[in-house]
N, C-alpha and C. Protein backbone atom coordinates (compact mmCIF):
# COMPACT_ATOMS: atom_id res chain seq x y z
N LYS A 1 122.62 114.99 104.87
CA LYS A 1 122.40 116.58 105.49
C LYS A 1 121.14 116.99 104.19
N ASN A 2 121.20 116.30 103.27
CA ASN A 2 120.09 117.05 102.63
C ASN A 2 118.96 116.57 102.90
N GLU A 3 118.98 115.37 103.40
CA GLU A 3 117.90 114.46 103.64
C GLU A 3 117.02 114.85 104.92
N ILE A 4 117.95 115.47 105.79
CA ILE A 4 117.49 116.35 106.96
C ILE A 4 116.60 117.33 106.65
N PHE A 5 117.02 118.12 105.94
CA PHE A 5 116.85 119.76 105.20
C PHE A 5 115.36 119.88 104.43
N ILE A 6 115.57 118.71 103.65
CA ILE A 6 114.25 118.33 103.11
C ILE A 6 112.98 117.72 104.10
N VAL A 7 113.31 116.98 105.40
CA VAL A 7 112.31 116.75 105.82
C VAL A 7 111.72 117.99 107.19
N PHE A 8 113.18 118.85 107.07
CA PHE A 8 112.72 120.35 107.87
C PHE A 8 112.03 120.90 107.21
N ILE A 9 112.34 121.45 105.73
CA ILE A 9 111.39 122.63 105.28
C ILE A 9 109.70 121.48 104.80
N ALA A 10 109.71 120.46 104.77
CA ALA A 10 108.38 119.68 104.49
C ALA A 10 107.57 119.49 105.89
N THR A 11 108.63 119.70 106.91
CA THR A 11 107.57 119.30 108.03
C THR A 11 107.44 120.69 108.18
N LEU A 12 108.00 121.93 107.96
CA LEU A 12 107.69 123.09 109.00
C LEU A 12 106.89 123.45 107.39
N LEU A 13 106.45 123.57 105.73
CA LEU A 13 105.61 123.52 105.18
C LEU A 13 104.06 122.87 106.08
N GLY A 14 104.09 122.05 106.20
CA GLY A 14 103.20 121.07 106.93
C GLY A 14 102.44 121.75 108.30
N PHE A 15 103.47 122.28 109.05
CA PHE A 15 102.61 122.77 110.21
C PHE A 15 102.50 124.47 109.99
N PHE A 16 102.72 124.69 108.73
CA PHE A 16 102.60 126.18 108.20
C PHE A 16 100.97 125.88 107.87
N THR A 17 100.95 125.10 106.97
CA THR A 17 99.31 124.95 106.59
C THR A 17 98.34 124.61 107.73
N ILE A 18 98.86 123.72 108.61
CA ILE A 18 97.79 123.70 109.67
C ILE A 18 97.78 124.99 110.34
N PHE A 19 98.75 125.78 110.90
CA PHE A 19 98.50 127.00 111.39
C PHE A 19 97.80 128.05 110.37
N SER A 20 97.92 127.98 109.63
CA SER A 20 97.09 129.09 108.65
C SER A 20 95.89 129.12 108.75
N SER A 21 95.61 127.00 108.25
CA SER A 21 93.72 127.23 108.67
C SER A 21 93.05 126.91 109.77
N LEU A 22 93.85 126.83 110.88
CA LEU A 22 93.58 127.43 111.69
C LEU A 22 93.62 128.80 112.18
N LEU A 23 94.31 129.33 111.80
CA LEU A 23 93.95 130.96 111.75
C LEU A 23 92.72 131.90 111.39
N LYS A 24 92.67 130.79 110.31
CA LYS A 24 91.52 131.36 109.00
C LYS A 24 90.21 131.10 109.71
N PHE A 25 90.61 130.07 110.63
CA PHE A 25 89.12 129.54 111.53
C PHE A 25 88.99 130.37 112.57
N TYR A 26 89.73 130.80 112.89
CA TYR A 26 89.81 132.03 113.82
C TYR A 26 89.14 132.86 113.61
N GLN A 27 89.82 133.42 112.48
CA GLN A 27 89.38 135.54 112.10
C GLN A 27 87.99 135.20 111.42
N VAL A 28 87.41 133.78 110.80
CA VAL A 28 86.64 134.05 109.92
C VAL A 28 85.04 133.73 111.27
N SER A 29 85.41 132.85 112.34
CA SER A 29 84.10 132.57 113.03
C SER A 29 84.23 133.61 114.19
N LYS A 30 85.23 134.81 114.15
CA LYS A 30 85.28 135.61 115.13
C LYS A 30 85.41 134.90 116.48
N PHE A 31 86.05 134.13 116.99
CA PHE A 31 86.01 133.27 117.92
C PHE A 31 86.30 133.89 119.07
N ASP A 32 85.16 133.53 119.54
CA ASP A 32 84.20 133.24 121.32
C ASP A 32 84.84 132.51 122.09
N PHE A 33 86.03 132.81 123.32
CA PHE A 33 86.44 131.49 123.43
C PHE A 33 85.24 131.35 124.79
N LYS A 34 84.18 132.33 125.01
CA LYS A 34 83.34 131.91 126.33
C LYS A 34 82.02 130.88 125.94
N LYS A 35 82.15 130.26 124.29
CA LYS A 35 81.61 129.97 123.16
C LYS A 35 81.86 128.37 123.18
N SER A 36 81.13 127.51 122.95
CA SER A 36 81.96 126.15 122.91
C SER A 36 82.75 126.08 121.39
N LEU A 37 83.49 125.20 120.71
CA LEU A 37 83.86 125.01 119.49
C LEU A 37 82.46 124.61 118.51
N TYR A 38 81.99 123.92 118.94
CA TYR A 38 80.35 123.35 118.03
C TYR A 38 79.79 125.05 117.44
N THR A 39 79.66 125.44 118.40
CA THR A 39 78.89 126.88 118.65
C THR A 39 79.73 127.75 117.64
N ASN A 40 81.09 127.89 117.74
CA ASN A 40 81.93 128.61 116.51
C ASN A 40 81.74 128.47 115.62
N MET A 41 81.53 127.04 115.04
CA MET A 41 81.72 126.48 114.07
C MET A 41 80.29 127.06 113.29
N LEU A 42 79.37 126.93 113.79
CA LEU A 42 78.22 127.57 113.37
C LEU A 42 78.08 128.24 112.45
N SER A 43 79.06 129.54 113.34
CA SER A 43 78.94 130.81 112.69
C SER A 43 80.10 131.00 111.42
N ILE A 44 80.75 130.14 110.80
CA ILE A 44 81.01 129.97 109.63
C ILE A 44 80.29 128.67 108.57
N SER A 45 80.58 129.88 107.66
CA SER A 45 79.63 129.25 106.18
C SER A 45 80.32 127.54 105.68
N LYS A 46 79.74 126.94 104.83
CA LYS A 46 79.96 125.45 105.20
C LYS A 46 81.33 125.63 103.94
N SER A 47 81.03 126.62 103.01
CA SER A 47 82.47 126.34 102.43
C SER A 47 83.47 127.08 102.70
N ASN A 48 83.91 128.07 103.47
CA ASN A 48 85.09 128.34 104.33
C ASN A 48 85.24 127.12 105.40
N ILE A 49 84.41 126.26 105.63
CA ILE A 49 84.81 125.37 106.82
C ILE A 49 85.30 124.05 106.08
N ALA A 50 84.63 123.58 104.25
CA ALA A 50 85.42 123.17 103.65
C ALA A 50 86.76 123.28 103.70
N ASN A 51 87.20 124.51 103.44
CA ASN A 51 88.04 124.90 102.83
C ASN A 51 89.19 124.90 104.20
N ILE A 52 88.54 125.14 105.08
CA ILE A 52 90.12 124.90 106.25
C ILE A 52 90.16 123.56 106.64
N LEU A 53 88.82 122.84 106.49
CA LEU A 53 89.08 121.25 106.74
C LEU A 53 90.40 120.82 105.61
N ALA A 54 89.92 120.92 104.33
CA ALA A 54 90.72 120.52 103.25
C ALA A 54 92.20 121.10 103.23
N HIS A 55 92.48 122.22 103.92
CA HIS A 55 94.13 122.60 103.74
C HIS A 55 94.73 121.93 105.23
N THR A 56 93.76 122.08 106.30
CA THR A 56 94.10 121.15 107.78
C THR A 56 94.91 119.95 107.40
N GLY A 57 93.81 119.33 106.48
CA GLY A 57 94.29 117.54 106.18
C GLY A 57 95.60 117.58 105.34
N ILE A 58 95.73 118.75 104.10
CA ILE A 58 96.94 118.69 103.43
C ILE A 58 98.07 118.85 104.33
N GLY A 59 98.17 119.73 105.36
CA GLY A 59 99.27 120.04 106.53
C GLY A 59 99.16 119.01 107.28
N PHE A 60 98.58 117.69 107.33
CA PHE A 60 98.68 116.36 107.93
C PHE A 60 99.22 115.50 106.90
N LEU A 61 98.92 115.49 105.96
CA LEU A 61 99.03 114.55 105.01
C LEU A 61 100.62 114.93 104.59
N ILE A 62 101.25 116.29 104.24
CA ILE A 62 102.47 116.16 104.15
C ILE A 62 103.28 115.95 105.11
N ILE A 63 102.92 116.20 106.66
CA ILE A 63 103.94 115.60 107.70
C ILE A 63 103.66 114.24 108.06
N GLY A 64 102.82 113.64 107.85
CA GLY A 64 102.96 111.96 107.57
C GLY A 64 103.68 111.23 106.95
N ILE A 65 103.45 111.81 105.70
CA ILE A 65 104.11 111.25 104.39
C ILE A 65 105.84 111.61 104.39
N THR A 66 105.88 112.82 105.35
CA THR A 66 107.43 113.00 105.26
C THR A 66 108.39 112.14 106.69
N ILE A 67 107.59 112.45 107.43
CA ILE A 67 107.96 111.43 108.78
C ILE A 67 107.79 109.70 108.72
N SER A 68 106.95 109.36 107.96
CA SER A 68 106.52 107.83 107.87
C SER A 68 107.67 107.68 106.54
N THR A 69 108.04 108.39 105.56
CA THR A 69 109.15 108.03 104.27
C THR A 69 110.38 108.16 105.06
N TYR A 70 110.55 109.35 105.46
CA TYR A 70 112.53 109.43 105.94
C TYR A 70 112.76 108.61 107.21
N PHE A 71 112.25 108.25 108.10
CA PHE A 71 112.14 108.11 109.68
C PHE A 71 111.60 106.27 109.71
N SER A 72 111.25 105.66 108.42
CA SER A 72 110.56 104.68 108.78
C SER A 72 112.14 103.23 108.25
N SER A 73 112.06 102.46 108.89
CA SER A 73 112.68 101.29 109.01
C SER A 73 112.11 100.02 108.65
N GLN A 74 112.99 99.28 108.05
CA GLN A 74 112.86 97.84 107.31
C GLN A 74 113.72 96.71 107.64
N LYS A 75 113.69 95.55 107.89
CA LYS A 75 114.70 94.24 108.11
C LYS A 75 113.93 93.59 107.03
N GLU A 76 114.68 92.03 106.59
CA GLU A 76 114.51 91.43 106.14
C GLU A 76 115.62 90.43 106.69
N ILE A 77 115.07 89.34 107.24
CA ILE A 77 116.11 88.35 107.89
C ILE A 77 115.90 87.08 108.24
N ILE A 78 116.81 85.58 108.12
CA ILE A 78 116.00 84.33 108.11
C ILE A 78 115.77 84.23 109.53
N MET A 79 114.61 83.59 109.97
CA MET A 79 114.36 83.30 111.22
C MET A 79 113.96 81.75 111.48
N LYS A 80 114.00 81.50 112.64
CA LYS A 80 113.66 80.01 112.89
C LYS A 80 113.28 80.10 114.11
N ARG A 81 112.24 79.30 114.91
CA ARG A 81 111.74 79.52 115.96
C ARG A 81 112.53 79.75 117.04
N GLY A 82 112.02 80.97 118.26
CA GLY A 82 113.18 81.21 119.53
C GLY A 82 113.79 82.62 118.95
N ASP A 83 114.09 82.59 117.99
CA ASP A 83 114.80 83.94 117.33
C ASP A 83 113.86 85.14 117.41
N VAL A 84 114.93 86.16 117.97
CA VAL A 84 114.46 87.54 118.17
C VAL A 84 114.85 88.86 117.23
N LEU A 85 113.93 89.27 116.49
CA LEU A 85 114.50 90.44 115.34
C LEU A 85 114.50 91.73 116.57
N PHE A 86 115.05 92.51 116.03
CA PHE A 86 115.11 94.14 116.88
C PHE A 86 115.01 95.08 115.33
N ILE A 87 113.94 96.21 116.06
CA ILE A 87 113.92 97.00 115.08
C ILE A 87 113.30 98.53 115.78
N GLU A 88 114.51 99.52 115.80
CA GLU A 88 113.82 100.51 117.16
C GLU A 88 113.46 100.30 117.80
N ASN A 89 113.32 100.05 118.60
CA ASN A 89 112.67 99.86 120.65
C ASN A 89 111.44 98.42 120.65
N ILE A 90 111.96 98.04 119.18
CA ILE A 90 110.85 96.55 119.27
C ILE A 90 111.24 95.59 118.81
N ASN A 91 111.37 94.55 119.72
CA ASN A 91 111.94 93.37 119.87
C ASN A 91 110.24 91.96 118.98
N ILE A 92 110.94 91.05 118.18
CA ILE A 92 109.42 90.66 117.71
C ILE A 92 110.50 89.13 117.73
N LYS A 93 109.68 88.08 118.57
CA LYS A 93 110.16 86.71 118.65
C LYS A 93 109.35 86.22 118.05
N PHE A 94 109.85 84.82 116.93
CA PHE A 94 108.94 84.03 116.92
C PHE A 94 108.81 82.73 117.51
N ILE A 95 107.43 82.66 117.72
CA ILE A 95 107.32 81.87 118.74
C ILE A 95 106.68 80.41 118.36
N ASP A 96 105.77 80.13 116.71
CA ASP A 96 105.72 78.81 116.46
C ASP A 96 105.21 79.13 115.03
N VAL A 97 105.02 78.03 114.52
CA VAL A 97 104.16 77.82 113.16
C VAL A 97 103.18 76.73 113.18
N LYS A 98 101.74 77.14 112.80
CA LYS A 98 101.08 75.94 112.64
C LYS A 98 100.28 75.71 111.11
N LYS A 99 100.09 74.54 110.83
CA LYS A 99 100.06 74.21 109.78
C LYS A 99 98.49 73.46 109.36
N ARG A 100 97.54 73.83 108.87
CA ARG A 100 96.25 73.45 108.82
C ARG A 100 95.79 73.21 107.33
N SER A 101 95.08 72.26 107.18
CA SER A 101 94.39 72.24 105.97
C SER A 101 93.18 72.45 105.78
N PHE A 102 92.84 73.11 104.62
CA PHE A 102 91.13 73.55 103.92
C PHE A 102 90.78 72.56 102.79
N ASP A 103 89.67 72.96 102.48
CA ASP A 103 89.08 72.24 101.27
C ASP A 103 89.64 72.71 100.01
N ASN A 104 89.99 73.89 100.11
CA ASN A 104 90.96 74.19 98.68
C ASN A 104 91.72 74.93 98.82
N TYR A 105 92.21 75.08 99.94
CA TYR A 105 93.94 75.30 100.47
C TYR A 105 94.53 74.85 101.55
N ASP A 106 95.80 75.15 101.52
CA ASP A 106 96.82 74.70 102.63
C ASP A 106 97.24 75.81 103.34
N SER A 107 97.44 75.63 104.88
CA SER A 107 97.51 77.18 105.38
C SER A 107 98.98 77.07 106.42
N ILE A 108 99.26 77.62 106.32
CA ILE A 108 100.66 77.73 107.25
C ILE A 108 100.65 79.23 108.01
N SER A 109 100.26 79.15 108.92
CA SER A 109 100.39 80.08 110.29
C SER A 109 101.19 80.42 110.76
N PHE A 110 101.76 81.67 111.35
CA PHE A 110 103.18 81.80 112.17
C PHE A 110 102.77 82.88 113.47
N VAL A 111 103.14 82.78 114.64
CA VAL A 111 102.93 83.39 115.49
C VAL A 111 104.21 84.25 116.11
N PHE A 112 104.08 85.66 116.29
CA PHE A 112 105.39 86.30 116.82
C PHE A 112 104.59 87.15 117.86
N ASP A 113 105.64 87.19 118.93
CA ASP A 113 105.23 87.84 119.88
C ASP A 113 106.46 89.29 119.92
N GLY A 114 105.01 90.66 119.97
CA GLY A 114 106.41 91.75 119.87
C GLY A 114 105.98 92.36 121.76
N TYR A 115 107.58 93.00 121.73
CA TYR A 115 107.42 93.28 122.73
C TYR A 115 108.28 95.18 122.42
N GLU A 116 107.71 95.73 123.13
CA GLU A 116 108.36 97.21 123.09
C GLU A 116 108.63 97.83 125.15
N LYS A 117 110.08 98.28 124.44
CA LYS A 117 110.87 98.29 125.75
C LYS A 117 110.80 97.24 126.40
N ASN A 118 110.75 95.77 126.33
CA ASN A 118 110.47 94.35 126.90
C ASN A 118 109.11 94.13 127.62
N ASN A 119 108.02 94.93 127.26
CA ASN A 119 106.74 94.84 127.78
C ASN A 119 105.77 94.14 126.10
N TYR A 120 105.63 93.05 126.60
CA TYR A 120 104.66 92.73 125.51
C TYR A 120 103.70 93.84 124.97
N PHE A 121 103.28 93.59 123.84
CA PHE A 121 102.38 94.78 123.66
C PHE A 121 101.13 93.52 122.25
N THR A 122 101.58 92.91 122.00
CA THR A 122 100.72 92.02 120.82
C THR A 122 101.30 90.59 120.19
N SER A 123 100.59 90.07 119.84
CA SER A 123 101.23 88.95 118.94
C SER A 123 100.99 89.05 117.24
N PHE A 124 101.51 88.18 116.73
CA PHE A 124 101.32 89.18 115.23
C PHE A 124 101.54 87.22 114.54
N TYR A 125 100.30 87.47 113.08
CA TYR A 125 100.03 86.11 112.74
C TYR A 125 99.92 86.22 111.55
N PRO A 126 101.05 86.31 110.85
CA PRO A 126 101.20 86.80 109.35
C PRO A 126 100.61 84.63 108.79
N GLU A 127 100.40 84.84 107.92
CA GLU A 127 99.93 83.62 106.99
C GLU A 127 100.26 82.87 105.61
N LYS A 128 100.79 81.87 105.33
CA LYS A 128 100.80 81.77 104.01
C LYS A 128 99.41 80.97 103.24
N ARG A 129 98.90 80.85 102.38
CA ARG A 129 97.96 80.05 101.94
C ARG A 129 98.21 79.45 100.79
N ILE A 130 97.96 78.20 100.20
CA ILE A 130 98.67 77.63 99.41
C ILE A 130 97.82 77.26 98.76
N TYR A 131 97.17 77.21 97.99
CA TYR A 131 95.81 77.07 96.66
C TYR A 131 95.97 75.98 95.98
N LYS A 132 94.87 74.94 95.96
CA LYS A 132 95.88 73.62 95.71
C LYS A 132 94.90 73.53 94.09
N ILE A 133 93.69 74.06 94.20
CA ILE A 133 93.20 74.10 92.43
C ILE A 133 94.37 75.12 91.39
N GLN A 134 94.20 76.41 92.01
CA GLN A 134 95.34 77.52 91.29
C GLN A 134 97.05 77.37 91.34
N LYS A 135 97.18 76.48 92.28
CA LYS A 135 98.14 76.27 92.63
C LYS A 135 98.99 77.13 92.66
N SER A 136 98.68 78.52 93.60
CA SER A 136 99.23 79.62 93.72
C SER A 136 99.76 80.16 95.56
N ILE A 137 100.26 80.81 95.63
CA ILE A 137 100.76 80.99 97.06
C ILE A 137 100.18 82.56 97.62
N MET A 138 99.37 82.84 98.38
CA MET A 138 99.46 83.91 98.69
C MET A 138 99.67 84.45 100.12
N THR A 139 100.09 85.64 100.43
CA THR A 139 100.97 85.88 101.64
C THR A 139 100.46 87.03 102.19
N GLU A 140 99.33 86.43 103.43
CA GLU A 140 98.64 87.49 104.39
C GLU A 140 99.56 88.06 105.41
N ALA A 141 100.18 89.47 105.26
CA ALA A 141 100.85 90.33 106.05
C ALA A 141 99.99 90.16 107.80
N ALA A 142 100.92 90.64 108.52
CA ALA A 142 100.56 91.17 109.90
C ALA A 142 100.42 92.30 110.48
N ILE A 143 99.83 92.95 110.61
CA ILE A 143 99.66 94.37 111.00
C ILE A 143 99.39 95.54 112.56
N HIS A 144 99.99 96.07 113.33
CA HIS A 144 99.53 96.68 114.22
C HIS A 144 99.94 97.95 114.29
N SER A 145 98.85 98.65 114.56
CA SER A 145 99.27 100.20 114.38
C SER A 145 98.58 100.78 115.50
N ASN A 146 99.15 102.32 115.90
CA ASN A 146 98.94 102.89 116.98
C ASN A 146 98.91 104.32 116.54
N LEU A 147 98.64 105.49 117.36
CA LEU A 147 98.82 106.58 116.76
C LEU A 147 100.31 106.89 116.89
N LEU A 148 101.50 106.03 117.24
CA LEU A 148 102.88 106.57 116.80
C LEU A 148 103.42 105.84 116.06
N ARG A 149 103.01 104.40 115.30
CA ARG A 149 103.54 104.06 114.57
C ARG A 149 102.78 102.62 114.01
N ASP A 150 103.17 102.05 113.00
CA ASP A 150 102.84 101.00 112.30
C ASP A 150 103.65 100.68 111.84
N ILE A 151 103.22 98.91 112.39
CA ILE A 151 104.46 97.80 112.03
C ILE A 151 103.83 96.43 111.00
N TYR A 152 104.53 96.70 109.95
CA TYR A 152 104.09 95.28 109.09
C TYR A 152 105.02 94.00 109.00
N LEU A 153 104.46 92.86 109.67
CA LEU A 153 105.15 91.85 109.24
C LEU A 153 104.80 90.52 108.46
N SER A 154 105.90 90.19 107.40
CA SER A 154 105.23 89.12 106.63
C SER A 154 106.26 88.07 106.41
N LEU A 155 106.12 86.99 105.67
CA LEU A 155 106.95 86.20 105.29
C LEU A 155 107.20 85.87 104.03
N GLY A 156 108.23 85.64 103.73
CA GLY A 156 108.94 85.06 102.38
C GLY A 156 108.96 83.91 102.18
N ASP A 157 110.33 83.17 101.77
CA ASP A 157 110.59 82.38 100.92
C ASP A 157 110.92 81.18 102.66
N ASN A 158 110.93 80.03 102.51
CA ASN A 158 110.96 79.22 103.26
C ASN A 158 112.79 78.55 103.06
N VAL A 159 113.48 79.15 103.92
CA VAL A 159 115.08 78.58 103.45
C VAL A 159 115.29 76.94 104.02
N SER A 160 114.88 76.76 104.69
CA SER A 160 115.42 74.86 104.91
C SER A 160 113.99 74.95 105.55
N GLU A 161 113.92 73.83 106.64
CA GLU A 161 112.85 72.83 107.00
C GLU A 161 111.96 73.81 108.46
N ASN A 162 113.07 74.32 108.98
CA ASN A 162 112.72 75.16 110.10
C ASN A 162 112.84 77.01 109.92
N SER A 163 113.77 77.52 108.92
CA SER A 163 113.93 78.36 108.83
C SER A 163 113.12 79.53 107.73
N TRP A 164 112.61 80.73 107.83
CA TRP A 164 111.83 81.47 106.93
C TRP A 164 112.63 82.79 106.97
N VAL A 165 112.48 83.64 105.82
CA VAL A 165 112.90 85.01 105.49
C VAL A 165 111.81 85.66 106.48
N VAL A 166 111.92 86.89 106.82
CA VAL A 166 110.92 87.30 108.00
C VAL A 166 111.34 88.65 107.21
N ARG A 167 110.02 89.51 106.91
CA ARG A 167 110.30 91.13 106.76
C ARG A 167 109.40 91.68 107.64
N ILE A 168 110.31 92.67 107.86
CA ILE A 168 109.20 93.54 109.09
C ILE A 168 109.20 95.22 108.65
N TYR A 169 108.66 95.86 108.66
CA TYR A 169 108.78 97.34 108.06
C TYR A 169 108.05 98.12 109.18
N TYR A 170 108.88 99.43 109.64
CA TYR A 170 108.26 100.29 111.02
C TYR A 170 108.08 101.39 110.40
N LYS A 171 106.64 102.15 110.65
CA LYS A 171 106.86 103.27 109.95
C LYS A 171 106.09 104.35 110.84
N PRO A 172 106.76 104.92 111.38
CA PRO A 172 106.07 106.02 112.54
C PRO A 172 105.36 107.04 112.16
N PHE A 173 104.46 107.57 112.47
CA PHE A 173 103.31 108.81 112.85
C PHE A 173 102.82 108.16 111.30
N LEU A 174 102.33 107.28 110.80
CA LEU A 174 101.60 106.72 109.13
C LEU A 174 100.29 107.06 109.15
N GLN A 175 99.98 107.30 110.92
CA GLN A 175 98.15 107.69 111.15
C GLN A 175 97.92 109.29 110.82
N LEU A 176 98.73 109.97 110.91
CA LEU A 176 98.89 111.19 110.65
C LEU A 176 98.31 111.49 109.30
N LEU A 177 99.29 110.30 107.90
CA LEU A 177 98.80 110.52 106.87
C LEU A 177 97.47 109.94 106.21
N TRP A 178 96.87 109.46 107.23
CA TRP A 178 95.25 109.05 107.19
C TRP A 178 94.39 109.88 108.03
N PHE A 179 94.75 110.62 108.70
CA PHE A 179 93.78 111.48 109.57
C PHE A 179 94.00 112.58 108.21
N GLY A 180 95.30 113.24 107.38
CA GLY A 180 94.93 114.30 106.83
C GLY A 180 94.48 113.74 105.73
N VAL A 181 94.00 112.66 104.92
CA VAL A 181 93.42 112.42 103.69
C VAL A 181 92.15 112.25 104.51
N ILE A 182 91.47 111.85 105.93
CA ILE A 182 90.01 111.36 105.94
C ILE A 182 89.56 113.44 105.86
N LEU A 183 90.67 114.09 106.62
CA LEU A 183 90.14 115.60 106.79
C LEU A 183 90.08 116.30 105.09
N MET A 184 90.70 115.54 104.38
CA MET A 184 90.46 116.41 103.10
C MET A 184 89.24 115.79 101.82
N ILE A 185 88.89 114.62 102.60
CA ILE A 185 87.77 113.74 102.10
C ILE A 185 86.45 114.76 102.62
N LEU A 186 86.86 115.20 104.15
CA LEU A 186 85.41 115.18 104.43
C LEU A 186 85.06 117.07 103.93
N GLY A 187 86.41 117.87 103.46
CA GLY A 187 86.35 118.95 103.27
C GLY A 187 86.05 118.97 101.81
N GLY A 188 86.11 118.01 101.14
CA GLY A 188 85.91 117.90 99.94
C GLY A 188 84.62 117.85 99.41
N LEU A 189 84.11 116.56 100.54
CA LEU A 189 82.22 116.21 100.83
C LEU A 189 81.34 117.81 100.89
N LEU A 190 81.98 118.24 102.15
CA LEU A 190 81.90 119.38 102.42
C LEU A 190 81.60 120.67 101.14
N GLY A 191 82.51 120.55 100.67
CA GLY A 191 82.82 121.60 99.78
C GLY A 191 81.59 121.53 98.47
N ILE A 192 81.52 120.11 98.05
CA ILE A 192 80.19 120.00 97.16
C ILE A 192 78.92 120.22 97.58
N PHE A 193 78.83 119.80 98.54
CA PHE A 193 77.21 120.28 99.57
C PHE A 193 77.53 121.42 99.39
N ALA A 194 78.19 122.19 99.89
CA ALA A 194 77.89 123.74 100.12
C ALA A 194 77.91 124.28 98.18
N MET A 195 78.75 123.93 97.53
CA MET A 195 78.04 124.46 96.18
C MET A 195 76.84 123.82 95.49
N ARG A 196 76.68 123.15 95.61
CA ARG A 196 75.14 122.45 95.37
C ARG A 196 73.65 123.35 95.93
N LYS A 197 73.93 123.74 97.09
CA LYS A 197 73.47 124.43 97.67
C LYS A 197 73.25 125.81 97.52
N GLN A 198 74.17 126.44 96.63
CA GLN A 198 74.80 127.68 96.87
C GLN A 198 73.83 127.83 95.48
N LYS A 199 73.98 126.57 94.41
CA LYS A 199 73.17 126.76 92.72
C LYS A 199 71.64 126.36 93.36
N TYR A 200 71.49 125.75 94.25
CA TYR A 200 69.83 125.77 94.49
C TYR A 200 69.59 127.06 94.87
N ASN A 201 70.05 127.60 95.35
CA ASN A 201 69.63 129.18 96.37
C ASN A 201 69.66 130.10 95.23
N LEU A 202 70.24 129.82 93.97
CA LEU A 202 70.40 130.99 93.11
C LEU A 202 69.02 130.26 91.84
N LYS A 203 68.93 129.38 91.86
CA LYS A 203 67.60 128.80 91.19
C LYS A 203 66.62 129.70 91.50
N LEU A 204 66.79 129.38 92.99
CA LEU A 204 65.33 130.20 93.41
C LEU A 204 65.12 131.75 93.64
């Protein structure tokens, strides 16, 4: 119950931040619905646009972090060829293992097919690299992303000749987090540009 309350408050705060930013955009631009969005934006000072972008980004960041943190799922199971892993509405089938050798490392790559509501949507290719000189092992995770969720698939230890530990992470709406970060960066850069231009005009 406490977690649900925290999610509700945080999400509400995020939406309020976005709404207040859009309201400010409407107020400072004196929005004219007969004109295009671009034309309306030209009527706003760069410092105001920077502020609106940054605060909108914070709102999306709060929502993205909240949802992806509290509604994410993860599993770690032992799988062999032909096994199927279920997480949320996703089925991941272990298809094959391919071993290759290169000059400085040996590669063990894995093939997993992903199905969403029994419809194929992608294949995952996580990999383990065993470097010959350094005697070290590097694990390359496989990632699939869309606007609704991110899926991370990685390999753990080799339990037996044909069985491996498989880790999968399901994170919903993680893209909102990155979208928020991008808006904040754009707002920050535009704010710096506006401040420099203002200082230059004062000198003149």
